[in-house]
Structures are given as structure tokens and as C-alpha cells.
Amino acid sequence: MQKQQIVHFHNYPRCPKMNCFVERFNKSLKEEFANYHRSTLAYDLDLFNRKMIDYLLWYNCYRPHHSLKLESPMQFIINSLNTEKSNMLWTSTIS
């Protein structure tokens, strides 16, 4: 990191005051996913990782978040985009 001149910030584990968003996400990941897939984690790490990818896609694209007024993060981003500020044109794939 020093060779690339990258600044490295340290965060103490399980310290919500320093990084509350990461700690909250870790809690959700553990309570909503990892606790229910312990046996898969113990016996089939590849399957666990594939299931976790599916969970993370659902978490970011479909799961309602209270902090976002029950919108998914993806929906919140889409709704927040302003055509004047965005160079990307969103196309509708619904017929």
C-alpha cells in the first residue's frame, strides 16, 4: 500500500461508534444468512459462497430497508437519480 501511496484507515472490530454502517451490515449478514447456513459453511464452502452471492443480490436489489423508507438500496438509487445530473439513460425492459 505504501508503494502505491494508498492511505490505509484502520477500524477496530465490533466497534459500532467507528463504523456503524459496516457493523450493522455484518450483523444483518450474520443474523439473516450465516446463522441459517452453518452446516453448508462447515461442509461445502463453494455452495455457501454461491448462496451468499444470491443473498447479497437480494439484500441490495429487493430487500426493503427501514433506513431507506422500506425501499431496496437499488430502488433508492434509481429513485434518487435525476436525469439532469445523470449521464446514464435508464431503459425500461418491461413490455
PDB file of N, CA and C in Angstrom:
ATOM      1  N   MET A   1       0.818  -1.178   0.000  1.00  0.00           N
ATOM      2  CA  MET A   1       0.000   0.000   0.000  1.00  0.00           C
ATOM      3  C   MET A   1       0.875   1.259   0.000  1.00  0.00           C
ATOM      4  N   GLN A   2       1.982   1.196   0.724  1.00  0.00           N
ATOM      5  CA  GLN A   2       2.870   2.359   0.741  1.00  0.00           C
ATOM      6  C   GLN A   2       3.469   2.615  -0.634  1.00  0.00           C
ATOM      7  N   LYS A   3       3.824   1.543  -1.340  1.00  0.00           N
ATOM      8  CA  LYS A   3       4.390   1.701  -2.674  1.00  0.00           C
ATOM      9  C   LYS A   3       3.395   2.357  -3.627  1.00  0.00           C
ATOM     10  N   GLN A   4       2.123   2.039  -3.466  1.00  0.00           N
ATOM     11  CA  GLN A   4       1.065   2.592  -4.315  1.00  0.00           C
ATOM     12  C   GLN A   4       0.516   3.917  -3.769  1.00  0.00           C
ATOM     13  N   GLN A   5       1.065   4.367  -2.646  1.00  0.00           N
ATOM     14  CA  GLN A   5       0.637   5.602  -1.983  1.00  0.00           C
ATOM     15  C   GLN A   5      -0.858   5.589  -1.653  1.00  0.00           C
ATOM     16  N   ILE A   6      -1.274   4.462  -1.110  1.00  0.00           N
ATOM     17  CA  ILE A   6      -2.668   4.296  -0.698  1.00  0.00           C
ATOM     18  C   ILE A   6      -2.747   4.503   0.803  1.00  0.00           C
ATOM     19  N   VAL A   7      -3.659   5.368   1.211  1.00  0.00           N
ATOM     20  CA  VAL A   7      -3.854   5.611   2.637  1.00  0.00           C
ATOM     21  C   VAL A   7      -4.694   4.474   3.206  1.00  0.00           C
ATOM     22  N   HIS A   8      -4.222   3.875   4.286  1.00  0.00           N
ATOM     23  CA  HIS A   8      -4.920   2.760   4.913  1.00  0.00           C
ATOM     24  C   HIS A   8      -5.535   3.243   6.221  1.00  0.00           C
ATOM     25  N   PHE A   9      -6.860   3.158   6.314  1.00  0.00           N
ATOM     26  CA  PHE A   9      -7.559   3.529   7.538  1.00  0.00           C
ATOM     27  C   PHE A   9      -7.870   2.265   8.319  1.00  0.00           C
ATOM     28  N   HIS A  10      -7.641   2.294   9.601  1.00  0.00           N
ATOM     29  CA  HIS A  10      -7.905   1.134  10.461  1.00  0.00           C
ATOM     30  C   HIS A  10      -9.231   1.305  11.175  1.00  0.00           C
ATOM     31  N   ASN A  11      -9.884   0.191  11.397  1.00  0.00           N
ATOM     32  CA  ASN A  11     -11.147   0.164  12.099  1.00  0.00           C
ATOM     33  C   ASN A  11     -11.073  -0.945  13.139  1.00  0.00           C
ATOM     34  N   TYR A  12     -11.484  -0.667  14.350  1.00  0.00           N
ATOM     35  CA  TYR A  12     -11.446  -1.679  15.392  1.00  0.00           C
ATOM     36  C   TYR A  12     -12.632  -2.625  15.244  1.00  0.00           C
ATOM     37  N   PRO A  13     -12.425  -3.920  15.433  1.00  0.00           N
ATOM     38  CA  PRO A  13     -13.528  -4.878  15.290  1.00  0.00           C
ATOM     39  C   PRO A  13     -14.613  -4.653  16.340  1.00  0.00           C
ATOM     40  N   ARG A  14     -15.842  -4.881  15.931  1.00  0.00           N
ATOM     41  CA  ARG A  14     -17.015  -4.766  16.800  1.00  0.00           C
ATOM     42  C   ARG A  14     -17.054  -3.423  17.538  1.00  0.00           C
ATOM     43  N   CYS A  15     -16.740  -2.359  16.815  1.00  0.00           N
ATOM     44  CA  CYS A  15     -16.774  -1.018  17.404  1.00  0.00           C
ATOM     45  C   CYS A  15     -17.741  -0.157  16.590  1.00  0.00           C
ATOM     46  N   PRO A  16     -19.031  -0.202  16.912  1.00  0.00           N
ATOM     47  CA  PRO A  16     -20.021   0.491  16.087  1.00  0.00           C
ATOM     48  C   PRO A  16     -19.842   2.002  16.042  1.00  0.00           C
ATOM     49  N   LYS A  17     -19.195   2.579  17.043  1.00  0.00           N
ATOM     50  CA  LYS A  17     -19.012   4.024  17.023  1.00  0.00           C
ATOM     51  C   LYS A  17     -18.077   4.456  15.902  1.00  0.00           C
ATOM     52  N   MET A  18     -17.164   3.584  15.515  1.00  0.00           N
ATOM     53  CA  MET A  18     -16.207   3.949  14.471  1.00  0.00           C
ATOM     54  C   MET A  18     -16.744   3.690  13.078  1.00  0.00           C
ATOM     55  N   ASN A  19     -17.522   2.635  12.923  1.00  0.00           N
ATOM     56  CA  ASN A  19     -18.022   2.315  11.597  1.00  0.00           C
ATOM     57  C   ASN A  19     -19.372   1.632  11.718  1.00  0.00           C
ATOM     58  N   CYS A  20     -20.383   2.404  12.053  1.00  0.00           N
ATOM     59  CA  CYS A  20     -21.688   1.838  12.372  1.00  0.00           C
ATOM     60  C   CYS A  20     -22.344   1.147  11.185  1.00  0.00           C
ATOM     61  N   PHE A  21     -22.115   1.634   9.966  1.00  0.00           N
ATOM     62  CA  PHE A  21     -22.780   1.032   8.805  1.00  0.00           C
ATOM     63  C   PHE A  21     -22.233  -0.355   8.499  1.00  0.00           C
ATOM     64  N   VAL A  22     -20.932  -0.513   8.592  1.00  0.00           N
ATOM     65  CA  VAL A  22     -20.323  -1.825   8.358  1.00  0.00           C
ATOM     66  C   VAL A  22     -20.742  -2.797   9.445  1.00  0.00           C
ATOM     67  N   GLU A  23     -20.724  -2.344  10.692  1.00  0.00           N
ATOM     68  CA  GLU A  23     -21.115  -3.217  11.798  1.00  0.00           C
ATOM     69  C   GLU A  23     -22.577  -3.643  11.660  1.00  0.00           C
ATOM     70  N   ARG A  24     -23.449  -2.748  11.249  1.00  0.00           N
ATOM     71  CA  ARG A  24     -24.860  -3.100  11.089  1.00  0.00           C
ATOM     72  C   ARG A  24     -25.047  -4.089   9.952  1.00  0.00           C
ATOM     73  N   PHE A  25     -24.314  -3.888   8.862  1.00  0.00           N
ATOM     74  CA  PHE A  25     -24.396  -4.832   7.752  1.00  0.00           C
ATOM     75  C   PHE A  25     -23.891  -6.208   8.184  1.00  0.00           C
ATOM     76  N   ASN A  26     -22.785  -6.243   8.909  1.00  0.00           N
ATOM     77  CA  ASN A  26     -22.246  -7.526   9.387  1.00  0.00           C
ATOM     78  C   ASN A  26     -23.249  -8.242  10.278  1.00  0.00           C
ATOM     79  N   LYS A  27     -23.956  -7.477  11.118  1.00  0.00           N
ATOM     80  CA  LYS A  27     -24.975  -8.082  11.975  1.00  0.00           C
ATOM     81  C   LYS A  27     -26.108  -8.667  11.134  1.00  0.00           C
ATOM     82  N   SER A  28     -26.566  -7.922  10.139  1.00  0.00           N
ATOM     83  CA  SER A  28     -27.634  -8.421   9.269  1.00  0.00           C
ATOM     84  C   SER A  28     -27.188  -9.668   8.525  1.00  0.00           C
ATOM     85  N   LEU A  29     -25.981  -9.640   7.999  1.00  0.00           N
ATOM     86  CA  LEU A  29     -25.455 -10.794   7.265  1.00  0.00           C
ATOM     87  C   LEU A  29     -25.398 -12.029   8.161  1.00  0.00           C
ATOM     88  N   LYS A  30     -24.948 -11.832   9.380  1.00  0.00           N
ATOM     89  CA  LYS A  30     -24.857 -12.960  10.311  1.00  0.00           C
ATOM     90  C   LYS A  30     -26.239 -13.467  10.710  1.00  0.00           C
ATOM     91  N   GLU A  31     -27.139 -12.547  11.104  1.00  0.00           N
ATOM     92  CA  GLU A  31     -28.446 -12.963  11.601  1.00  0.00           C
ATOM     93  C   GLU A  31     -29.379 -13.469  10.511  1.00  0.00           C
ATOM     94  N   GLU A  32     -29.327 -12.872   9.326  1.00  0.00           N
ATOM     95  CA  GLU A  32     -30.270 -13.230   8.274  1.00  0.00           C
ATOM     96  C   GLU A  32     -29.759 -14.326   7.347  1.00  0.00           C
ATOM     97  N   PHE A  33     -28.442 -14.526   7.319  1.00  0.00           N
ATOM     98  CA  PHE A  33     -27.927 -15.514   6.369  1.00  0.00           C
ATOM     99  C   PHE A  33     -27.032 -16.563   7.027  1.00  0.00           C
ATOM    100  N   ALA A  34     -25.942 -16.137   7.599  1.00  0.00           N
ATOM    101  CA  ALA A  34     -24.920 -17.084   8.071  1.00  0.00           C
ATOM    102  C   ALA A  34     -25.443 -18.046   9.130  1.00  0.00           C
ATOM    103  N   ASN A  35     -26.241 -17.555  10.065  1.00  0.00           N
ATOM    104  CA  ASN A  35     -26.765 -18.437  11.115  1.00  0.00           C
ATOM    105  C   ASN A  35     -27.631 -19.559  10.550  1.00  0.00           C
ATOM    106  N   TYR A  36     -28.293 -19.318   9.426  1.00  0.00           N
ATOM    107  CA  TYR A  36     -29.170 -20.325   8.820  1.00  0.00           C
ATOM    108  C   TYR A  36     -28.437 -21.273   7.871  1.00  0.00           C
ATOM    109  N   HIS A  37     -27.181 -20.968   7.576  1.00  0.00           N
ATOM    110  CA  HIS A  37     -26.420 -21.791   6.636  1.00  0.00           C
ATOM    111  C   HIS A  37     -25.128 -22.308   7.245  1.00  0.00           C
ATOM    112  N   ARG A  38     -25.124 -22.538   8.555  1.00  0.00           N
ATOM    113  CA  ARG A  38     -23.913 -23.015   9.237  1.00  0.00           C
ATOM    114  C   ARG A  38     -23.443 -24.360   8.724  1.00  0.00           C
ATOM    115  N   SER A  39     -24.361 -25.275   8.520  1.00  0.00           N
ATOM    116  CA  SER A  39     -23.948 -26.608   8.072  1.00  0.00           C
ATOM    117  C   SER A  39     -23.367 -26.548   6.666  1.00  0.00           C
ATOM    118  N   THR A  40     -23.934 -25.701   5.812  1.00  0.00           N
ATOM    119  CA  THR A  40     -23.384 -25.535   4.468  1.00  0.00           C
ATOM    120  C   THR A  40     -21.987 -24.959   4.548  1.00  0.00           C
ATOM    121  N   LEU A  41     -21.785 -23.979   5.418  1.00  0.00           N
ATOM    122  CA  LEU A  41     -20.464 -23.383   5.608  1.00  0.00           C
ATOM    123  C   LEU A  41     -19.467 -24.424   6.078  1.00  0.00           C
ATOM    124  N   ALA A  42     -19.888 -25.310   6.956  1.00  0.00           N
ATOM    125  CA  ALA A  42     -18.983 -26.314   7.504  1.00  0.00           C
ATOM    126  C   ALA A  42     -18.610 -27.392   6.492  1.00  0.00           C
ATOM    127  N   TYR A  43     -19.542 -27.738   5.599  1.00  0.00           N
ATOM    128  CA  TYR A  43     -19.308 -28.890   4.728  1.00  0.00           C
ATOM    129  C   TYR A  43     -19.141 -28.572   3.247  1.00  0.00           C
ATOM    130  N   ASP A  44     -19.576 -27.405   2.808  1.00  0.00           N
ATOM    131  CA  ASP A  44     -19.468 -27.084   1.382  1.00  0.00           C
ATOM    132  C   ASP A  44     -19.286 -25.572   1.205  1.00  0.00           C
ATOM    133  N   LEU A  45     -18.051 -25.114   1.299  1.00  0.00           N
ATOM    134  CA  LEU A  45     -17.753 -23.690   1.242  1.00  0.00           C
ATOM    135  C   LEU A  45     -18.155 -23.074  -0.101  1.00  0.00           C
ATOM    136  N   ASP A  46     -17.963 -23.788  -1.196  1.00  0.00           N
ATOM    137  CA  ASP A  46     -18.351 -23.258  -2.509  1.00  0.00           C
ATOM    138  C   ASP A  46     -19.860 -23.010  -2.591  1.00  0.00           C
ATOM    139  N   LEU A  47     -20.646 -23.955  -2.105  1.00  0.00           N
ATOM    140  CA  LEU A  47     -22.099 -23.785  -2.101  1.00  0.00           C
ATOM    141  C   LEU A  47     -22.491 -22.624  -1.185  1.00  0.00           C
ATOM    142  N   PHE A  48     -21.855 -22.529  -0.031  1.00  0.00           N
ATOM    143  CA  PHE A  48     -22.125 -21.416   0.880  1.00  0.00           C
ATOM    144  C   PHE A  48     -21.872 -20.083   0.189  1.00  0.00           C
ATOM    145  N   ASN A  49     -20.759 -19.960  -0.508  1.00  0.00           N
ATOM    146  CA  ASN A  49     -20.428 -18.710  -1.204  1.00  0.00           C
ATOM    147  C   ASN A  49     -21.423 -18.398  -2.315  1.00  0.00           C
ATOM    148  N   ARG A  50     -21.865 -19.417  -3.049  1.00  0.00           N
ATOM    149  CA  ARG A  50     -22.867 -19.178  -4.099  1.00  0.00           C
ATOM    150  C   ARG A  50     -24.186 -18.705  -3.497  1.00  0.00           C
ATOM    151  N   LYS A  51     -24.579 -19.328  -2.388  1.00  0.00           N
ATOM    152  CA  LYS A  51     -25.812 -18.912  -1.717  1.00  0.00           C
ATOM    153  C   LYS A  51     -25.676 -17.496  -1.159  1.00  0.00           C
ATOM    154  N   MET A  52     -24.485 -17.167  -0.669  1.00  0.00           N
ATOM    155  CA  MET A  52     -24.283 -15.827  -0.121  1.00  0.00           C
ATOM    156  C   MET A  52     -24.339 -14.775  -1.224  1.00  0.00           C
ATOM    157  N   ILE A  53     -23.845 -15.086  -2.409  1.00  0.00           N
ATOM    158  CA  ILE A  53     -23.956 -14.155  -3.536  1.00  0.00           C
ATOM    159  C   ILE A  53     -25.427 -13.900  -3.850  1.00  0.00           C
ATOM    160  N   ASP A  54     -26.223 -14.959  -3.875  1.00  0.00           N
ATOM    161  CA  ASP A  54     -27.664 -14.795  -4.115  1.00  0.00           C
ATOM    162  C   ASP A  54     -28.302 -13.942  -3.022  1.00  0.00           C
ATOM    163  N   TYR A  55     -27.915 -14.188  -1.774  1.00  0.00           N
ATOM    164  CA  TYR A  55     -28.457 -13.397  -0.666  1.00  0.00           C
ATOM    165  C   TYR A  55     -28.073 -11.925  -0.814  1.00  0.00           C
ATOM    166  N   LEU A  56     -26.821 -11.651  -1.150  1.00  0.00           N
ATOM    167  CA  LEU A  56     -26.366 -10.262  -1.279  1.00  0.00           C
ATOM    168  C   LEU A  56     -27.068  -9.545  -2.428  1.00  0.00           C
ATOM    169  N   LEU A  57     -27.336 -10.256  -3.512  1.00  0.00           N
ATOM    170  CA  LEU A  57     -28.112  -9.664  -4.607  1.00  0.00           C
ATOM    171  C   LEU A  57     -29.521  -9.317  -4.135  1.00  0.00           C
ATOM    172  N   TRP A  58     -30.144 -10.236  -3.413  1.00  0.00           N
ATOM    173  CA  TRP A  58     -31.470  -9.975  -2.870  1.00  0.00           C
ATOM    174  C   TRP A  58     -31.419  -8.822  -1.881  1.00  0.00           C
ATOM    175  N   TYR A  59     -30.416  -8.805  -1.013  1.00  0.00           N
ATOM    176  CA  TYR A  59     -30.271  -7.769   0.016  1.00  0.00           C
ATOM    177  C   TYR A  59     -30.188  -6.386  -0.616  1.00  0.00           C
ATOM    178  N   ASN A  60     -29.447  -6.258  -1.698  1.00  0.00           N
ATOM    179  CA  ASN A  60     -29.237  -4.956  -2.322  1.00  0.00           C
ATOM    180  C   ASN A  60     -30.292  -4.572  -3.357  1.00  0.00           C
ATOM    181  N   CYS A  61     -30.967  -5.549  -3.934  1.00  0.00           N
ATOM    182  CA  CYS A  61     -31.904  -5.243  -5.019  1.00  0.00           C
ATOM    183  C   CYS A  61     -33.380  -5.356  -4.635  1.00  0.00           C
ATOM    184  N   TYR A  62     -33.705  -6.158  -3.632  1.00  0.00           N
ATOM    185  CA  TYR A  62     -35.113  -6.416  -3.335  1.00  0.00           C
ATOM    186  C   TYR A  62     -35.508  -6.210  -1.876  1.00  0.00           C
ATOM    187  N   ARG A  63     -34.611  -6.454  -0.955  1.00  0.00           N
ATOM    188  CA  ARG A  63     -34.950  -6.393   0.470  1.00  0.00           C
ATOM    189  C   ARG A  63     -35.267  -4.960   0.880  1.00  0.00           C
ATOM    190  N   PRO A  64     -36.434  -4.734   1.506  1.00  0.00           N
ATOM    191  CA  PRO A  64     -36.743  -3.385   1.980  1.00  0.00           C
ATOM    192  C   PRO A  64     -35.878  -3.029   3.189  1.00  0.00           C
ATOM    193  N   HIS A  65     -35.364  -1.824   3.201  1.00  0.00           N
ATOM    194  CA  HIS A  65     -34.522  -1.347   4.295  1.00  0.00           C
ATOM    195  C   HIS A  65     -35.259  -0.225   5.016  1.00  0.00           C
ATOM    196  N   HIS A  66     -35.370  -0.340   6.321  1.00  0.00           N
ATOM    197  CA  HIS A  66     -36.072   0.687   7.102  1.00  0.00           C
ATOM    198  C   HIS A  66     -35.399   2.041   6.979  1.00  0.00           C
ATOM    199  N   SER A  67     -34.071   2.051   6.897  1.00  0.00           N
ATOM    200  CA  SER A  67     -33.352   3.322   6.804  1.00  0.00           C
ATOM    201  C   SER A  67     -33.607   4.019   5.466  1.00  0.00           C
ATOM    202  N   LEU A  68     -34.115   3.281   4.490  1.00  0.00           N
ATOM    203  CA  LEU A  68     -34.417   3.847   3.170  1.00  0.00           C
ATOM    204  C   LEU A  68     -35.927   3.934   2.934  1.00  0.00           C
ATOM    205  N   LYS A  69     -36.675   4.019   4.004  1.00  0.00           N
ATOM    206  CA  LYS A  69     -38.143   4.105   3.940  1.00  0.00           C
ATOM    207  C   LYS A  69     -38.744   2.919   3.200  1.00  0.00           C
ATOM    208  N   LEU A  70     -38.246   1.748   3.548  1.00  0.00           N
ATOM    209  CA  LEU A  70     -38.704   0.456   3.021  1.00  0.00           C
ATOM    210  C   LEU A  70     -38.477   0.282   1.526  1.00  0.00           C
ATOM    211  N   GLU A  71     -37.443   0.900   1.021  1.00  0.00           N
ATOM    212  CA  GLU A  71     -37.007   0.662  -0.352  1.00  0.00           C
ATOM    213  C   GLU A  71     -35.731  -0.165  -0.315  1.00  0.00           C
ATOM    214  N   SER A  72     -35.476  -0.875  -1.383  1.00  0.00           N
ATOM    215  CA  SER A  72     -34.193  -1.564  -1.501  1.00  0.00           C
ATOM    216  C   SER A  72     -33.132  -0.531  -1.858  1.00  0.00           C
ATOM    217  N   PRO A  73     -31.867  -0.811  -1.574  1.00  0.00           N
ATOM    218  CA  PRO A  73     -30.818   0.138  -1.965  1.00  0.00           C
ATOM    219  C   PRO A  73     -30.835   0.454  -3.457  1.00  0.00           C
ATOM    220  N   MET A  74     -31.060  -0.545  -4.281  1.00  0.00           N
ATOM    221  CA  MET A  74     -31.082  -0.310  -5.724  1.00  0.00           C
ATOM    222  C   MET A  74     -32.241   0.600  -6.107  1.00  0.00           C
ATOM    223  N   GLN A  75     -33.409   0.340  -5.539  1.00  0.00           N
ATOM    224  CA  GLN A  75     -34.564   1.182  -5.845  1.00  0.00           C
ATOM    225  C   GLN A  75     -34.342   2.606  -5.355  1.00  0.00           C
ATOM    226  N   PHE A  76     -33.709   2.740  -4.199  1.00  0.00           N
ATOM    227  CA  PHE A  76     -33.409   4.069  -3.662  1.00  0.00           C
ATOM    228  C   PHE A  76     -32.487   4.836  -4.607  1.00  0.00           C
ATOM    229  N   ILE A  77     -31.468   4.157  -5.125  1.00  0.00           N
ATOM    230  CA  ILE A  77     -30.536   4.805  -6.061  1.00  0.00           C
ATOM    231  C   ILE A  77     -31.264   5.208  -7.334  1.00  0.00           C
ATOM    232  N   ILE A  78     -32.061   4.306  -7.867  1.00  0.00           N
ATOM    233  CA  ILE A  78     -32.795   4.606  -9.102  1.00  0.00           C
ATOM    234  C   ILE A  78     -33.740   5.789  -8.894  1.00  0.00           C
ATOM    235  N   ASN A  79     -34.446   5.802  -7.777  1.00  0.00           N
ATOM    236  CA  ASN A  79     -35.377   6.892  -7.492  1.00  0.00           C
ATOM    237  C   ASN A  79     -34.662   8.212  -7.223  1.00  0.00           C
ATOM    238  N   SER A  80     -33.421   8.128  -6.784  1.00  0.00           N
ATOM    239  CA  SER A  80     -32.657   9.339  -6.472  1.00  0.00           C
ATOM    240  C   SER A  80     -31.998   9.950  -7.697  1.00  0.00           C
ATOM    241  N   LEU A  81     -31.907   9.182  -8.766  1.00  0.00           N
ATOM    242  CA  LEU A  81     -31.252   9.701  -9.965  1.00  0.00           C
ATOM    243  C   LEU A  81     -32.072  10.822 -10.583  1.00  0.00           C
ATOM    244  N   ASN A  82     -31.382  11.807 -10.955  1.00  0.00           N
ATOM    245  CA  ASN A  82     -32.002  12.945 -11.607  1.00  0.00           C
ATOM    246  C   ASN A  82     -31.496  12.945 -13.048  1.00  0.00           C
ATOM    247  N   THR A  83     -32.373  13.037 -13.993  1.00  0.00           N
ATOM    248  CA  THR A  83     -31.948  12.975 -15.394  1.00  0.00           C
ATOM    249  C   THR A  83     -31.000  14.105 -15.749  1.00  0.00           C
ATOM    250  N   GLU A  84     -31.108  15.210 -15.057  1.00  0.00           N
ATOM    251  CA  GLU A  84     -30.204  16.323 -15.326  1.00  0.00           C
ATOM    252  C   GLU A  84     -28.798  16.045 -14.808  1.00  0.00           C
ATOM    253  N   LYS A  85     -28.699  15.302 -13.697  1.00  0.00           N
ATOM    254  CA  LYS A  85     -27.400  15.028 -13.095  1.00  0.00           C
ATOM    255  C   LYS A  85     -26.789  13.733 -13.604  1.00  0.00           C
ATOM    256  N   SER A  86     -27.595  12.869 -14.180  1.00  0.00           N
ATOM    257  CA  SER A  86     -27.118  11.565 -14.606  1.00  0.00           C
ATOM    258  C   SER A  86     -26.850  11.541 -16.109  1.00  0.00           C
ATOM    259  N   ASN A  87     -25.723  10.969 -16.470  1.00  0.00           N
ATOM    260  CA  ASN A  87     -25.399  10.794 -17.881  1.00  0.00           C
ATOM    261  C   ASN A  87     -25.892   9.449 -18.403  1.00  0.00           C
ATOM    262  N   MET A  88     -26.396   8.628 -17.490  1.00  0.00           N
ATOM    263  CA  MET A  88     -26.840   7.302 -17.880  1.00  0.00           C
ATOM    264  C   MET A  88     -28.328   7.333 -18.186  1.00  0.00           C
ATOM    265  N   LEU A  89     -28.728   6.733 -19.260  1.00  0.00           N
ATOM    266  CA  LEU A  89     -30.138   6.640 -19.609  1.00  0.00           C
ATOM    267  C   LEU A  89     -30.657   5.276 -19.167  1.00  0.00           C
ATOM    268  N   TRP A  90     -31.663   5.260 -18.317  1.00  0.00           N
ATOM    269  CA  TRP A  90     -32.239   4.012 -17.852  1.00  0.00           C
ATOM    270  C   TRP A  90     -33.317   3.592 -18.848  1.00  0.00           C
ATOM    271  N   THR A  91     -33.226   2.377 -19.272  1.00  0.00           N
ATOM    272  CA  THR A  91     -34.209   1.888 -20.228  1.00  0.00           C
ATOM    273  C   THR A  91     -35.167   0.937 -19.542  1.00  0.00           C
ATOM    274  N   SER A  92     -36.360   0.937 -19.987  1.00  0.00           N
ATOM    275  CA  SER A  92     -37.368   0.037 -19.445  1.00  0.00           C
ATOM    276  C   SER A  92     -37.320  -1.269 -20.219  1.00  0.00           C
ATOM    277  N   THR A  93     -37.258  -2.370 -19.498  1.00  0.00           N
ATOM    278  CA  THR A  93     -37.246  -3.689 -20.152  1.00  0.00           C
ATOM    279  C   THR A  93     -38.608  -4.353 -20.054  1.00  0.00           C
ATOM    280  N   ILE A  94     -39.586  -3.636 -19.492  1.00  0.00           N
ATOM    281  CA  ILE A  94     -40.931  -4.194 -19.350  1.00  0.00           C
ATOM    282  C   ILE A  94     -41.713  -3.882 -20.614  1.00  0.00           C
ATOM    283  N   SER A  95     -42.320  -4.917 -21.188  1.00  0.00           N
ATOM    284  CA  SER A  95     -43.105  -4.736 -22.411  1.00  0.00           C
ATOM    285  C   SER A  95     -44.453  -4.178 -22.125  1.00  0.00           C
TER     286      SER A  95
END
